């Protein structure tokens, strides 16, 4: 990994360690500022110690499980999902991509216009 140059968080500019899997990702502080289209903050976490992804609006009790979440960070389109070895990763989208719904409970959800 020493061949990978460091990069900067696309949200706040803090220096980040680059990884081949997530070449350009938000820092955890910016990730925690993810919102829907009307500014409602979302919380994301793994479903269990073995992984999975779930989210909820800050202040709500119920979690929603899905594959990943299209949301906004500083009014920028982002995709939040489970990281390879646990945790949550937020990555910027390069265009206004629409979430493609998948059958069953493992679908992507799009809250950017909520």
PDB file of N, CA and C in Angstrom:
ATOM      1  N   UNK A   1       0.793  -1.184   0.000  1.00  0.00           N
ATOM      2  CA  UNK A   1       0.000   0.000   0.000  1.00  0.00           C
ATOM      3  C   UNK A   1       0.841   1.255   0.000  1.00  0.00           C
ATOM      4  N   UNK A   2       2.097   1.142   0.236  1.00  0.00           N
ATOM      5  CA  UNK A   2       2.943   2.331   0.271  1.00  0.00           C
ATOM      6  C   UNK A   2       2.993   3.017  -1.094  1.00  0.00           C
ATOM      7  N   UNK A   3       2.598   2.313  -2.176  1.00  0.00           N
ATOM      8  CA  UNK A   3       2.568   2.915  -3.500  1.00  0.00           C
ATOM      9  C   UNK A   3       1.363   3.819  -3.704  1.00  0.00           C
ATOM     10  N   UNK A   4       0.367   3.726  -2.810  1.00  0.00           N
ATOM     11  CA  UNK A   4      -0.834   4.543  -2.947  1.00  0.00           C
ATOM     12  C   UNK A   4      -0.604   5.895  -2.276  1.00  0.00           C
ATOM     13  N   UNK A   5      -0.797   6.984  -3.001  1.00  0.00           N
ATOM     14  CA  UNK A   5      -0.619   8.302  -2.374  1.00  0.00           C
ATOM     15  C   UNK A   5      -1.777   8.598  -1.425  1.00  0.00           C
ATOM     16  N   UNK A   6      -1.500   9.415  -0.422  1.00  0.00           N
ATOM     17  CA  UNK A   6      -2.572   9.841   0.469  1.00  0.00           C
ATOM     18  C   UNK A   6      -3.555  10.683  -0.324  1.00  0.00           C
ATOM     19  N   UNK A   7      -4.759  10.814   0.173  1.00  0.00           N
ATOM     20  CA  UNK A   7      -5.742  11.668  -0.474  1.00  0.00           C
ATOM     21  C   UNK A   7      -6.393  12.528   0.597  1.00  0.00           C
ATOM     22  N   UNK A   8      -7.322  13.364   0.201  1.00  0.00           N
ATOM     23  CA  UNK A   8      -7.978  14.258   1.130  1.00  0.00           C
ATOM     24  C   UNK A   8      -9.471  13.988   1.121  1.00  0.00           C
ATOM     25  N   UNK A   9     -10.087  14.065   2.296  1.00  0.00           N
ATOM     26  CA  UNK A   9     -11.524  13.844   2.415  1.00  0.00           C
ATOM     27  C   UNK A   9     -12.248  14.834   1.505  1.00  0.00           C
ATOM     28  N   UNK A  10     -13.166  14.351   0.668  1.00  0.00           N
ATOM     29  CA  UNK A  10     -13.888  15.257  -0.220  1.00  0.00           C
ATOM     30  C   UNK A  10     -14.882  16.161   0.508  1.00  0.00           C
ATOM     31  N   UNK A  11     -15.096  15.931   1.803  1.00  0.00           N
ATOM     32  CA  UNK A  11     -16.015  16.762   2.566  1.00  0.00           C
ATOM     33  C   UNK A  11     -15.345  17.904   3.303  1.00  0.00           C
ATOM     34  N   UNK A  12     -14.222  17.615   3.961  1.00  0.00           N
ATOM     35  CA  UNK A  12     -13.576  18.632   4.802  1.00  0.00           C
ATOM     36  C   UNK A  12     -12.114  18.885   4.461  1.00  0.00           C
ATOM     37  N   UNK A  13     -11.530  18.018   3.642  1.00  0.00           N
ATOM     38  CA  UNK A  13     -10.145  18.223   3.225  1.00  0.00           C
ATOM     39  C   UNK A  13      -9.094  17.612   4.127  1.00  0.00           C
ATOM     40  N   UNK A  14      -9.486  16.921   5.200  1.00  0.00           N
ATOM     41  CA  UNK A  14      -8.512  16.303   6.082  1.00  0.00           C
ATOM     42  C   UNK A  14      -7.762  15.200   5.325  1.00  0.00           C
ATOM     43  N   UNK A  15      -6.486  15.057   5.624  1.00  0.00           N
ATOM     44  CA  UNK A  15      -5.667  14.047   4.963  1.00  0.00           C
ATOM     45  C   UNK A  15      -6.114  12.653   5.372  1.00  0.00           C
ATOM     46  N   UNK A  16      -6.252  11.760   4.407  1.00  0.00           N
ATOM     47  CA  UNK A  16      -6.714  10.392   4.620  1.00  0.00           C
ATOM     48  C   UNK A  16      -5.696   9.429   4.031  1.00  0.00           C
ATOM     49  N   UNK A  17      -5.611   8.259   4.610  1.00  0.00           N
ATOM     50  CA  UNK A  17      -4.765   7.211   4.039  1.00  0.00           C
ATOM     51  C   UNK A  17      -5.538   6.546   2.901  1.00  0.00           C
ATOM     52  N   UNK A  18      -4.943   6.496   1.753  1.00  0.00           N
ATOM     53  CA  UNK A  18      -5.592   5.886   0.585  1.00  0.00           C
ATOM     54  C   UNK A  18      -5.527   4.367   0.690  1.00  0.00           C
ATOM     55  N   UNK A  19      -6.563   3.728   0.199  1.00  0.00           N
ATOM     56  CA  UNK A  19      -6.596   2.276   0.117  1.00  0.00           C
ATOM     57  C   UNK A  19      -7.069   1.905  -1.284  1.00  0.00           C
ATOM     58  N   UNK A  20      -6.626   0.779  -1.815  1.00  0.00           N
ATOM     59  CA  UNK A  20      -7.036   0.387  -3.171  1.00  0.00           C
ATOM     60  C   UNK A  20      -8.548   0.185  -3.300  1.00  0.00           C
ATOM     61  N   UNK A  21      -9.206  -0.295  -2.260  1.00  0.00           N
ATOM     62  CA  UNK A  21     -10.637  -0.578  -2.336  1.00  0.00           C
ATOM     63  C   UNK A  21     -11.483   0.693  -2.293  1.00  0.00           C
ATOM     64  N   UNK A  22     -11.086   1.655  -1.479  1.00  0.00           N
ATOM     65  CA  UNK A  22     -11.831   2.914  -1.324  1.00  0.00           C
ATOM     66  C   UNK A  22     -10.884   4.076  -1.608  1.00  0.00           C
ATOM     67  N   UNK A  23     -10.603   4.265  -2.862  1.00  0.00           N
ATOM     68  CA  UNK A  23      -9.597   5.236  -3.282  1.00  0.00           C
ATOM     69  C   UNK A  23      -9.953   6.659  -2.826  1.00  0.00           C
ATOM     70  N   UNK A  24     -11.236   6.992  -2.879  1.00  0.00           N
ATOM     71  CA  UNK A  24     -11.659   8.344  -2.514  1.00  0.00           C
ATOM     72  C   UNK A  24     -12.857   8.215  -1.592  1.00  0.00           C
ATOM     73  N   UNK A  25     -12.663   8.410  -0.298  1.00  0.00           N
ATOM     74  CA  UNK A  25     -13.738   8.212   0.677  1.00  0.00           C
ATOM     75  C   UNK A  25     -13.757   9.361   1.683  1.00  0.00           C
ATOM     76  N   UNK A  26     -14.908   9.534   2.316  1.00  0.00           N
ATOM     77  CA  UNK A  26     -15.076  10.575   3.326  1.00  0.00           C
ATOM     78  C   UNK A  26     -14.497  10.111   4.657  1.00  0.00           C
ATOM     79  N   UNK A  27     -14.038  11.065   5.466  1.00  0.00           N
ATOM     80  CA  UNK A  27     -13.587  10.742   6.820  1.00  0.00           C
ATOM     81  C   UNK A  27     -14.825  10.406   7.664  1.00  0.00           C
ATOM     82  N   UNK A  28     -14.620   9.802   8.820  1.00  0.00           N
ATOM     83  CA  UNK A  28     -15.731   9.404   9.678  1.00  0.00           C
ATOM     84  C   UNK A  28     -16.532  10.599  10.186  1.00  0.00           C
ATOM     85  N   UNK A  29     -15.872  11.731  10.452  1.00  0.00           N
ATOM     86  CA  UNK A  29     -16.606  12.915  10.904  1.00  0.00           C
ATOM     87  C   UNK A  29     -17.586  13.388   9.834  1.00  0.00           C
ATOM     88  N   UNK A  30     -17.155  13.434   8.584  1.00  0.00           N
ATOM     89  CA  UNK A  30     -18.051  13.834   7.497  1.00  0.00           C
ATOM     90  C   UNK A  30     -19.123  12.782   7.264  1.00  0.00           C
ATOM     91  N   UNK A  31     -18.755  11.507   7.344  1.00  0.00           N
ATOM     92  CA  UNK A  31     -19.724  10.427   7.155  1.00  0.00           C
ATOM     93  C   UNK A  31     -20.874  10.562   8.141  1.00  0.00           C
ATOM     94  N   UNK A  32     -20.591  10.985   9.345  1.00  0.00           N
ATOM     95  CA  UNK A  32     -21.624  11.125  10.370  1.00  0.00           C
ATOM     96  C   UNK A  32     -22.537  12.329  10.119  1.00  0.00           C
ATOM     97  N   UNK A  33     -22.239  13.145   9.114  1.00  0.00           N
ATOM     98  CA  UNK A  33     -23.085  14.282   8.749  1.00  0.00           C
ATOM     99  C   UNK A  33     -23.988  13.961   7.559  1.00  0.00           C
ATOM    100  N   UNK A  34     -24.083  12.711   7.168  1.00  0.00           N
ATOM    101  CA  UNK A  34     -24.927  12.318   6.030  1.00  0.00           C
ATOM    102  C   UNK A  34     -26.393  12.636   6.334  1.00  0.00           C
ATOM    103  N   UNK A  35     -27.106  13.125   5.319  1.00  0.00           N
ATOM    104  CA  UNK A  35     -28.506  13.510   5.482  1.00  0.00           C
ATOM    105  C   UNK A  35     -29.335  13.042   4.289  1.00  0.00           C
ATOM    106  N   UNK A  36     -30.652  13.188   4.448  1.00  0.00           N
ATOM    107  CA  UNK A  36     -31.534  13.013   3.307  1.00  0.00           C
ATOM    108  C   UNK A  36     -31.654  14.373   2.614  1.00  0.00           C
ATOM    109  N   UNK A  37     -32.509  14.472   1.608  1.00  0.00           N
ATOM    110  CA  UNK A  37     -32.627  15.696   0.832  1.00  0.00           C
ATOM    111  C   UNK A  37     -33.137  16.897   1.602  1.00  0.00           C
ATOM    112  N   UNK A  38     -33.865  16.665   2.694  1.00  0.00           N
ATOM    113  CA  UNK A  38     -34.375  17.788   3.478  1.00  0.00           C
ATOM    114  C   UNK A  38     -33.518  18.080   4.705  1.00  0.00           C
ATOM    115  N   UNK A  39     -32.345  17.450   4.786  1.00  0.00           N
ATOM    116  CA  UNK A  39     -31.396  17.758   5.856  1.00  0.00           C
ATOM    117  C   UNK A  39     -31.506  16.911   7.107  1.00  0.00           C
ATOM    118  N   UNK A  40     -32.303  15.880   7.065  1.00  0.00           N
ATOM    119  CA  UNK A  40     -32.447  14.999   8.225  1.00  0.00           C
ATOM    120  C   UNK A  40     -31.233  14.072   8.326  1.00  0.00           C
ATOM    121  N   UNK A  41     -30.544  14.078   9.451  1.00  0.00           N
ATOM    122  CA  UNK A  41     -29.305  13.311   9.649  1.00  0.00           C
ATOM    123  C   UNK A  41     -29.616  11.825   9.761  1.00  0.00           C
ATOM    124  N   UNK A  42     -28.777  11.014   9.109  1.00  0.00           N
ATOM    125  CA  UNK A  42     -28.932   9.564   9.184  1.00  0.00           C
ATOM    126  C   UNK A  42     -27.780   8.956   9.970  1.00  0.00           C
ATOM    127  N   UNK A  43     -28.052   7.847  10.604  1.00  0.00           N
ATOM    128  CA  UNK A  43     -27.041   7.075  11.310  1.00  0.00           C
ATOM    129  C   UNK A  43     -26.923   5.732  10.605  1.00  0.00           C
ATOM    130  N   UNK A  44     -25.708   5.246  10.472  1.00  0.00           N
ATOM    131  CA  UNK A  44     -25.455   3.968   9.805  1.00  0.00           C
ATOM    132  C   UNK A  44     -24.575   3.112  10.701  1.00  0.00           C
ATOM    133  N   UNK A  45     -24.789   1.808  10.630  1.00  0.00           N
ATOM    134  CA  UNK A  45     -23.952   0.874  11.383  1.00  0.00           C
ATOM    135  C   UNK A  45     -24.058  -0.513  10.767  1.00  0.00           C
ATOM    136  N   UNK A  46     -23.168  -1.397  11.211  1.00  0.00           N
ATOM    137  CA  UNK A  46     -23.263  -2.798  10.822  1.00  0.00           C
ATOM    138  C   UNK A  46     -24.416  -3.434  11.586  1.00  0.00           C
ATOM    139  N   UNK A  47     -25.049  -4.423  10.963  1.00  0.00           N
ATOM    140  CA  UNK A  47     -26.165  -5.117  11.610  1.00  0.00           C
ATOM    141  C   UNK A  47     -25.710  -5.974  12.787  1.00  0.00           C
ATOM    142  N   UNK A  48     -24.525  -6.547  12.662  1.00  0.00           N
ATOM    143  CA  UNK A  48     -24.009  -7.421  13.719  1.00  0.00           C
ATOM    144  C   UNK A  48     -22.488  -7.472  13.603  1.00  0.00           C
ATOM    145  N   UNK A  49     -21.870  -8.250  14.463  1.00  0.00           N
ATOM    146  CA  UNK A  49     -20.413  -8.416  14.418  1.00  0.00           C
ATOM    147  C   UNK A  49     -19.966  -9.055  13.108  1.00  0.00           C
ATOM    148  N   UNK A  50     -20.847  -9.779  12.455  1.00  0.00           N
ATOM    149  CA  UNK A  50     -20.474 -10.432  11.198  1.00  0.00           C
ATOM    150  C   UNK A  50     -20.771  -9.542   9.981  1.00  0.00           C
ATOM    151  N   UNK A  51     -21.240  -8.337  10.203  1.00  0.00           N
ATOM    152  CA  UNK A  51     -21.418  -7.404   9.095  1.00  0.00           C
ATOM    153  C   UNK A  51     -22.849  -7.026   8.826  1.00  0.00           C
ATOM    154  N   UNK A  52     -23.104  -6.689   7.573  1.00  0.00           N
ATOM    155  CA  UNK A  52     -24.405  -6.183   7.170  1.00  0.00           C
ATOM    156  C   UNK A  52     -24.446  -4.669   7.299  1.00  0.00           C
ATOM    157  N   UNK A  53     -25.472  -4.064   6.739  1.00  0.00           N
ATOM    158  CA  UNK A  53     -25.611  -2.605   6.759  1.00  0.00           C
ATOM    159  C   UNK A  53     -27.032  -2.250   7.163  1.00  0.00           C
ATOM    160  N   UNK A  54     -27.145  -1.262   8.050  1.00  0.00           N
ATOM    161  CA  UNK A  54     -28.453  -0.742   8.411  1.00  0.00           C
ATOM    162  C   UNK A  54     -28.344   0.750   8.701  1.00  0.00           C
ATOM    163  N   UNK A  55     -29.482   1.436   8.576  1.00  0.00           N
ATOM    164  CA  UNK A  55     -29.509   2.874   8.803  1.00  0.00           C
ATOM    165  C   UNK A  55     -30.835   3.278   9.433  1.00  0.00           C
ATOM    166  N   UNK A  56     -30.834   4.492   9.994  1.00  0.00           N
ATOM    167  CA  UNK A  56     -32.054   5.096  10.527  1.00  0.00           C
ATOM    168  C   UNK A  56     -31.832   6.607  10.577  1.00  0.00           C
ATOM    169  N   UNK A  57     -32.932   7.322  10.711  1.00  0.00           N
ATOM    170  CA  UNK A  57     -32.823   8.758  10.931  1.00  0.00           C
ATOM    171  C   UNK A  57     -32.469   8.995  12.389  1.00  0.00           C
ATOM    172  N   UNK A  58     -31.614   9.976  12.630  1.00  0.00           N
ATOM    173  CA  UNK A  58     -31.227  10.318  13.991  1.00  0.00           C
ATOM    174  C   UNK A  58     -32.483  10.604  14.819  1.00  0.00           C
ATOM    175  N   UNK A  59     -32.572   9.982  15.969  1.00  0.00           N
ATOM    176  CA  UNK A  59     -33.727  10.148  16.844  1.00  0.00           C
ATOM    177  C   UNK A  59     -34.776   9.058  16.696  1.00  0.00           C
ATOM    178  N   UNK A  60     -34.766   8.328  15.584  1.00  0.00           N
ATOM    179  CA  UNK A  60     -35.704   7.219  15.393  1.00  0.00           C
ATOM    180  C   UNK A  60     -35.174   5.980  16.117  1.00  0.00           C
ATOM    181  N   UNK A  61     -36.070   5.069  16.430  1.00  0.00           N
ATOM    182  CA  UNK A  61     -35.672   3.829  17.100  1.00  0.00           C
ATOM    183  C   UNK A  61     -35.394   2.694  16.128  1.00  0.00           C
ATOM    184  N   UNK A  62     -36.184   2.599  15.067  1.00  0.00           N
ATOM    185  CA  UNK A  62     -36.107   1.450  14.160  1.00  0.00           C
ATOM    186  C   UNK A  62     -35.025   1.613  13.101  1.00  0.00           C
ATOM    187  N   UNK A  63     -34.315   0.508  12.859  1.00  0.00           N
ATOM    188  CA  UNK A  63     -33.272   0.447  11.840  1.00  0.00           C
ATOM    189  C   UNK A  63     -33.842  -0.190  10.579  1.00  0.00           C
ATOM    190  N   UNK A  64     -33.320   0.214   9.415  1.00  0.00           N
ATOM    191  CA  UNK A  64     -33.686  -0.385   8.136  1.00  0.00           C
ATOM    192  C   UNK A  64     -32.452  -1.062   7.548  1.00  0.00           C
ATOM    193  N   UNK A  65     -32.567  -2.339   7.222  1.00  0.00           N
ATOM    194  CA  UNK A  65     -31.456  -3.076   6.621  1.00  0.00           C
ATOM    195  C   UNK A  65     -31.548  -2.986   5.107  1.00  0.00           C
ATOM    196  N   UNK A  66     -30.426  -2.803   4.468  1.00  0.00           N
ATOM    197  CA  UNK A  66     -30.360  -2.763   3.007  1.00  0.00           C
ATOM    198  C   UNK A  66     -28.906  -2.968   2.580  1.00  0.00           C
ATOM    199  N   UNK A  67     -28.673  -2.976   1.292  1.00  0.00           N
ATOM    200  CA  UNK A  67     -27.312  -3.147   0.767  1.00  0.00           C
ATOM    201  C   UNK A  67     -26.495  -1.878   0.963  1.00  0.00           C
ATOM    202  N   UNK A  68     -27.101  -0.728   0.681  1.00  0.00           N
ATOM    203  CA  UNK A  68     -26.410   0.553   0.801  1.00  0.00           C
ATOM    204  C   UNK A  68     -27.400   1.689   0.689  1.00  0.00           C
ATOM    205  N   UNK A  69     -26.929   2.900   0.943  1.00  0.00           N
ATOM    206  CA  UNK A  69     -27.790   4.061   1.032  1.00  0.00           C
ATOM    207  C   UNK A  69     -27.224   5.219   0.217  1.00  0.00           C
ATOM    208  N   UNK A  70     -28.038   5.744  -0.699  1.00  0.00           N
ATOM    209  CA  UNK A  70     -27.693   6.974  -1.409  1.00  0.00           C
ATOM    210  C   UNK A  70     -28.194   8.124  -0.559  1.00  0.00           C
ATOM    211  N   UNK A  71     -27.310   9.045  -0.192  1.00  0.00           N
ATOM    212  CA  UNK A  71     -27.657  10.162   0.682  1.00  0.00           C
ATOM    213  C   UNK A  71     -26.846  11.386   0.252  1.00  0.00           C
ATOM    214  N   UNK A  72     -26.760  12.374   1.135  1.00  0.00           N
ATOM    215  CA  UNK A  72     -26.012  13.602   0.857  1.00  0.00           C
ATOM    216  C   UNK A  72     -25.068  13.906   2.013  1.00  0.00           C
ATOM    217  N   UNK A  73     -23.901  14.406   1.684  1.00  0.00           N
ATOM    218  CA  UNK A  73     -22.987  14.976   2.667  1.00  0.00           C
ATOM    219  C   UNK A  73     -22.599  16.340   2.118  1.00  0.00           C
ATOM    220  N   UNK A  74     -22.906  17.387   2.868  1.00  0.00           N
ATOM    221  CA  UNK A  74     -22.665  18.769   2.414  1.00  0.00           C
ATOM    222  C   UNK A  74     -23.281  18.992   1.039  1.00  0.00           C
ATOM    223  N   UNK A  75     -24.496  18.506   0.860  1.00  0.00           N
ATOM    224  CA  UNK A  75     -25.258  18.643  -0.390  1.00  0.00           C
ATOM    225  C   UNK A  75     -24.596  17.938  -1.576  1.00  0.00           C
ATOM    226  N   UNK A  76     -23.747  16.985  -1.290  1.00  0.00           N
ATOM    227  CA  UNK A  76     -23.059  16.207  -2.329  1.00  0.00           C
ATOM    228  C   UNK A  76     -23.579  14.779  -2.310  1.00  0.00           C
ATOM    229  N   UNK A  77     -23.837  14.217  -3.485  1.00  0.00           N
ATOM    230  CA  UNK A  77     -24.324  12.841  -3.587  1.00  0.00           C
ATOM    231  C   UNK A  77     -23.268  11.853  -3.111  1.00  0.00           C
ATOM    232  N   UNK A  78     -23.688  10.944  -2.210  1.00  0.00           N
ATOM    233  CA  UNK A  78     -22.769   9.944  -1.663  1.00  0.00           C
ATOM    234  C   UNK A  78     -23.464   8.589  -1.599  1.00  0.00           C
ATOM    235  N   UNK A  79     -22.651   7.560  -1.492  1.00  0.00           N
ATOM    236  CA  UNK A  79     -23.147   6.201  -1.301  1.00  0.00           C
ATOM    237  C   UNK A  79     -22.517   5.663  -0.031  1.00  0.00           C
ATOM    238  N   UNK A  80     -23.338   5.259   0.934  1.00  0.00           N
ATOM    239  CA  UNK A  80     -22.878   4.670   2.190  1.00  0.00           C
ATOM    240  C   UNK A  80     -23.142   3.184   2.151  1.00  0.00           C
ATOM    241  N   UNK A  81     -22.166   2.402   2.601  1.00  0.00           N
ATOM    242  CA  UNK A  81     -22.324   0.948   2.583  1.00  0.00           C
ATOM    243  C   UNK A  81     -21.391   0.317   3.610  1.00  0.00           C
ATOM    244  N   UNK A  82     -21.554  -0.984   3.749  1.00  0.00           N
ATOM    245  CA  UNK A  82     -20.677  -1.739   4.637  1.00  0.00           C
ATOM    246  C   UNK A  82     -19.275  -1.759   4.038  1.00  0.00           C
ATOM    247  N   UNK A  83     -18.270  -1.518   4.877  1.00  0.00           N
ATOM    248  CA  UNK A  83     -16.883  -1.614   4.428  1.00  0.00           C
ATOM    249  C   UNK A  83     -16.460  -3.082   4.392  1.00  0.00           C
ATOM    250  N   UNK A  84     -15.453  -3.379   3.647  1.00  0.00           N
ATOM    251  CA  UNK A  84     -15.019  -4.757   3.397  1.00  0.00           C
ATOM    252  C   UNK A  84     -14.807  -5.580   4.664  1.00  0.00           C
ATOM    253  N   UNK A  85     -14.110  -5.013   5.641  1.00  0.00           N
ATOM    254  CA  UNK A  85     -13.826  -5.755   6.869  1.00  0.00           C
ATOM    255  C   UNK A  85     -14.541  -5.143   8.072  1.00  0.00           C
ATOM    256  N   UNK A  86     -15.748  -4.651   7.857  1.00  0.00           N
ATOM    257  CA  UNK A  86     -16.539  -4.070   8.929  1.00  0.00           C
ATOM    258  C   UNK A  86     -16.491  -2.558   8.926  1.00  0.00           C
ATOM    259  N   UNK A  87     -17.421  -1.980   9.589  1.00  0.00           N
ATOM    260  CA  UNK A  87     -17.538  -0.536   9.618  1.00  0.00           C
ATOM    261  C   UNK A  87     -18.349  -0.049   8.420  1.00  0.00           C
ATOM    262  N   UNK A  88     -18.457   1.260   8.298  1.00  0.00           N
ATOM    263  CA  UNK A  88     -19.234   1.890   7.244  1.00  0.00           C
ATOM    264  C   UNK A  88     -18.325   2.813   6.449  1.00  0.00           C
ATOM    265  N   UNK A  89     -18.503   2.823   5.154  1.00  0.00           N
ATOM    266  CA  UNK A  89     -17.715   3.697   4.286  1.00  0.00           C
ATOM    267  C   UNK A  89     -18.672   4.575   3.474  1.00  0.00           C
ATOM    268  N   UNK A  90     -18.288   5.833   3.299  1.00  0.00           N
ATOM    269  CA  UNK A  90     -19.046   6.784   2.471  1.00  0.00           C
ATOM    270  C   UNK A  90     -18.151   7.222   1.323  1.00  0.00           C
ATOM    271  N   UNK A  91     -18.682   7.118   0.100  1.00  0.00           N
ATOM    272  CA  UNK A  91     -17.921   7.488  -1.086  1.00  0.00           C
ATOM    273  C   UNK A  91     -18.738   8.460  -1.928  1.00  0.00           C
ATOM    274  N   UNK A  92     -18.082   9.468  -2.499  1.00  0.00           N
ATOM    275  CA  UNK A  92     -18.818  10.411  -3.347  1.00  0.00           C
ATOM    276  C   UNK A  92     -19.228   9.763  -4.663  1.00  0.00           C
ATOM    277  N   UNK A  93     -20.362  10.214  -5.200  1.00  0.00           N
ATOM    278  CA  UNK A  93     -20.796   9.780  -6.521  1.00  0.00           C
ATOM    279  C   UNK A  93     -20.337  10.834  -7.518  1.00  0.00           C
ATOM    280  N   UNK A  94     -19.978  10.402  -8.698  1.00  0.00           N
ATOM    281  CA  UNK A  94     -19.477  11.342  -9.696  1.00  0.00           C
ATOM    282  C   UNK A  94     -20.583  11.950 -10.539  1.00  0.00           C
ATOM    283  N   UNK A  95     -21.801  11.417 -10.446  1.00  0.00           N
ATOM    284  CA  UNK A  95     -22.944  11.983 -11.165  1.00  0.00           C
ATOM    285  C   UNK A  95     -24.211  11.657 -10.385  1.00  0.00           C
ATOM    286  N   UNK A  96     -25.328  12.215 -10.780  1.00  0.00           N
ATOM    287  CA  UNK A  96     -26.600  11.965 -10.077  1.00  0.00           C
ATOM    288  C   UNK A  96     -27.133  10.584 -10.450  1.00  0.00           C
ATOM    289  N   UNK A  97     -26.504   9.569  -9.875  1.00  0.00           N
ATOM    290  CA  UNK A  97     -26.931   8.202 -10.131  1.00  0.00           C
ATOM    291  C   UNK A  97     -28.190   7.912  -9.333  1.00  0.00           C
ATOM    292  N   UNK A  98     -29.060   7.126  -9.880  1.00  0.00           N
ATOM    293  CA  UNK A  98     -30.261   6.697  -9.185  1.00  0.00           C
ATOM    294  C   UNK A  98     -30.014   5.323  -8.575  1.00  0.00           C
ATOM    295  N   UNK A  99     -30.571   5.110  -7.422  1.00  0.00           N
ATOM    296  CA  UNK A  99     -30.454   3.802  -6.779  1.00  0.00           C
ATOM    297  C   UNK A  99     -31.257   2.795  -7.577  1.00  0.00           C
ATOM    298  N   UNK A 100     -30.678   1.656  -7.825  1.00  0.00           N
ATOM    299  CA  UNK A 100     -31.380   0.588  -8.513  1.00  0.00           C
ATOM    300  C   UNK A 100     -31.917  -0.369  -7.467  1.00  0.00           C
ATOM    301  N   UNK A 101     -33.237  -0.436  -7.330  1.00  0.00           N
ATOM    302  CA  UNK A 101     -33.855  -1.316  -6.342  1.00  0.00           C
ATOM    303  C   UNK A 101     -33.620  -2.773  -6.705  1.00  0.00           C
ATOM    304  N   UNK A 102     -33.244  -3.548  -5.741  1.00  0.00           N
ATOM    305  CA  UNK A 102     -33.050  -4.983  -5.933  1.00  0.00           C
ATOM    306  C   UNK A 102     -34.141  -5.715  -5.189  1.00  0.00           C
ATOM    307  N   UNK A 103     -34.474  -6.887  -5.641  1.00  0.00           N
ATOM    308  CA  UNK A 103     -35.516  -7.681  -4.994  1.00  0.00           C
ATOM    309  C   UNK A 103     -35.065  -8.097  -3.594  1.00  0.00           C
ATOM    310  N   UNK A 104     -36.009  -8.270  -2.701  1.00  0.00           N
ATOM    311  CA  UNK A 104     -35.707  -8.746  -1.359  1.00  0.00           C
ATOM    312  C   UNK A 104     -35.227  -7.631  -0.454  1.00  0.00           C
ATOM    313  N   UNK A 105     -34.662  -8.014   0.676  1.00  0.00           N
ATOM    314  CA  UNK A 105     -34.276  -7.033   1.683  1.00  0.00           C
ATOM    315  C   UNK A 105     -32.894  -6.434   1.427  1.00  0.00           C
ATOM    316  N   UNK A 106     -32.147  -6.933   0.478  1.00  0.00           N
ATOM    317  CA  UNK A 106     -30.806  -6.425   0.225  1.00  0.00           C
ATOM    318  C   UNK A 106     -30.818  -5.504  -0.981  1.00  0.00           C
ATOM    319  N   UNK A 107     -31.457  -4.359  -0.827  1.00  0.00           N
ATOM    320  CA  UNK A 107     -31.567  -3.391  -1.899  1.00  0.00           C
ATOM    321  C   UNK A 107     -30.845  -2.116  -1.494  1.00  0.00           C
ATOM    322  N   UNK A 108     -30.561  -1.299  -2.474  1.00  0.00           N
ATOM    323  CA  UNK A 108     -30.063   0.040  -2.205  1.00  0.00           C
ATOM    324  C   UNK A 108     -31.262   0.944  -1.969  1.00  0.00           C
ATOM    325  N   UNK A 109     -31.105   1.923  -1.111  1.00  0.00           N
ATOM    326  CA  UNK A 109     -32.170   2.875  -0.846  1.00  0.00           C
ATOM    327  C   UNK A 109     -31.671   4.279  -1.188  1.00  0.00           C
ATOM    328  N   UNK A 110     -32.550   5.104  -1.691  1.00  0.00           N
ATOM    329  CA  UNK A 110     -32.188   6.461  -2.084  1.00  0.00           C
ATOM    330  C   UNK A 110     -33.032   7.442  -1.296  1.00  0.00           C
ATOM    331  N   UNK A 111     -32.405   8.239  -0.420  1.00  0.00           N
ATOM    332  CA  UNK A 111     -33.130   9.220   0.375  1.00  0.00           C
ATOM    333  C   UNK A 111     -32.737  10.653   0.010  1.00  0.00           C
ATOM    334  N   UNK A 112     -32.060  10.811  -1.117  1.00  0.00           N
ATOM    335  CA  UNK A 112     -31.572  12.142  -1.485  1.00  0.00           C
ATOM    336  C   UNK A 112     -32.704  13.115  -1.778  1.00  0.00           C
ATOM    337  N   UNK A 113     -33.887  12.654  -2.140  1.00  0.00           N
ATOM    338  CA  UNK A 113     -34.984  13.558  -2.462  1.00  0.00           C
ATOM    339  C   UNK A 113     -36.075  13.562  -1.404  1.00  0.00           C
ATOM    340  N   UNK A 114     -35.858  12.837  -0.290  1.00  0.00           N
ATOM    341  CA  UNK A 114     -36.856  12.801   0.786  1.00  0.00           C
ATOM    342  C   UNK A 114     -36.862  14.113   1.543  1.00  0.00           C
TER     343      UNK A 114
END
